C-alpha cells in the first residue's frame, strides 16, 4: 500500500503535465501500472485469477 499522502499528491493537478503520476486505484502503486486497466500488475493478476476482469483469461498452450 502506498502512503496516503503520496496518493493524495498524485490526485492533485500538477504544475506541468509531465509530472502526472499514474497510480493503481486499488493499492496506490505507481510502478508497473497498466493504463488499459488502471491497475498495477499485482492487482491485475489477483483480479484476473479470480475472473473479475472481463475478457482476460490465463494463457495455456
Protein backbone atom coordinates (compact mmCIF):
# COMPACT_ATOMS: atom_id res chain seq x y z
CA UNK A 1 0.00 0.00 0.00
CA UNK A 2 1.21 3.45 -0.90
CA UNK A 3 1.37 6.13 1.74
CA UNK A 4 -1.88 8.09 1.76
CA UNK A 5 -0.04 11.41 1.42
CA UNK A 6 1.58 10.23 -1.82
CA UNK A 7 -1.77 9.10 -3.21
CA UNK A 8 -3.31 12.47 -2.33
CA UNK A 9 -0.41 14.29 -4.01
CA UNK A 10 -0.86 12.22 -7.20
CA UNK A 11 -4.56 13.18 -7.40
CA UNK A 12 -3.80 16.91 -7.45
CA UNK A 13 -3.32 18.63 -10.81
CA UNK A 14 0.43 19.08 -11.40
CA UNK A 15 2.06 22.33 -12.46
CA UNK A 16 3.40 20.62 -15.58
CA UNK A 17 1.65 17.78 -17.40
CA UNK A 18 4.82 15.63 -17.45
CA UNK A 19 4.73 15.43 -13.65
CA UNK A 20 1.47 13.47 -13.68
CA UNK A 21 1.78 10.18 -11.79
CA UNK A 22 -0.46 7.27 -12.71
CA UNK A 23 -1.38 5.15 -9.72
CA UNK A 24 -3.31 1.94 -9.20
CA UNK A 25 -6.85 2.62 -7.96
CA UNK A 26 -6.74 -0.37 -5.60
CA UNK A 27 -3.38 -0.12 -3.84
CA UNK A 28 -1.84 3.17 -4.99
CA UNK A 29 1.25 1.59 -6.56
CA UNK A 30 2.89 3.73 -9.25
CA UNK A 31 5.28 1.22 -10.80
CA UNK A 32 4.13 -1.44 -13.27
CA UNK A 33 0.90 0.48 -13.94
CA UNK A 34 -1.30 -0.77 -16.81
CA UNK A 35 -3.14 2.12 -18.46
CA UNK A 36 -5.69 -0.06 -20.19
CA UNK A 37 -6.99 -1.42 -16.87
CA UNK A 38 -5.96 1.37 -14.49
CA UNK A 39 -4.30 -1.01 -12.04
CA UNK A 40 -0.82 -2.33 -11.25
CA UNK A 41 0.45 -5.73 -12.31
CA UNK A 42 -0.06 -7.27 -8.87
CA UNK A 43 -3.71 -6.23 -8.61
CA UNK A 44 -4.23 -7.18 -12.25
CA UNK A 45 -3.02 -10.70 -11.58
CA UNK A 46 -5.19 -11.08 -8.47
CA UNK A 47 -8.33 -9.88 -10.25
CA UNK A 48 -7.61 -11.87 -13.42
CA UNK A 49 -7.14 -15.11 -11.45
CA UNK A 50 -10.45 -14.51 -9.67
CA UNK A 51 -12.12 -13.88 -13.04
CA UNK A 52 -13.20 -10.35 -12.16
CA UNK A 53 -11.71 -8.71 -15.27
CA UNK A 54 -13.93 -9.48 -18.27
CA UNK A 55 -12.19 -10.88 -21.34
CA UNK A 56 -8.97 -11.83 -19.52
CA UNK A 57 -8.06 -15.49 -19.16
CA UNK A 58 -4.94 -17.26 -18.02
CA UNK A 59 -2.94 -18.39 -21.02
CA UNK A 60 -2.16 -22.05 -21.60
CA UNK A 61 -0.65 -23.83 -24.56
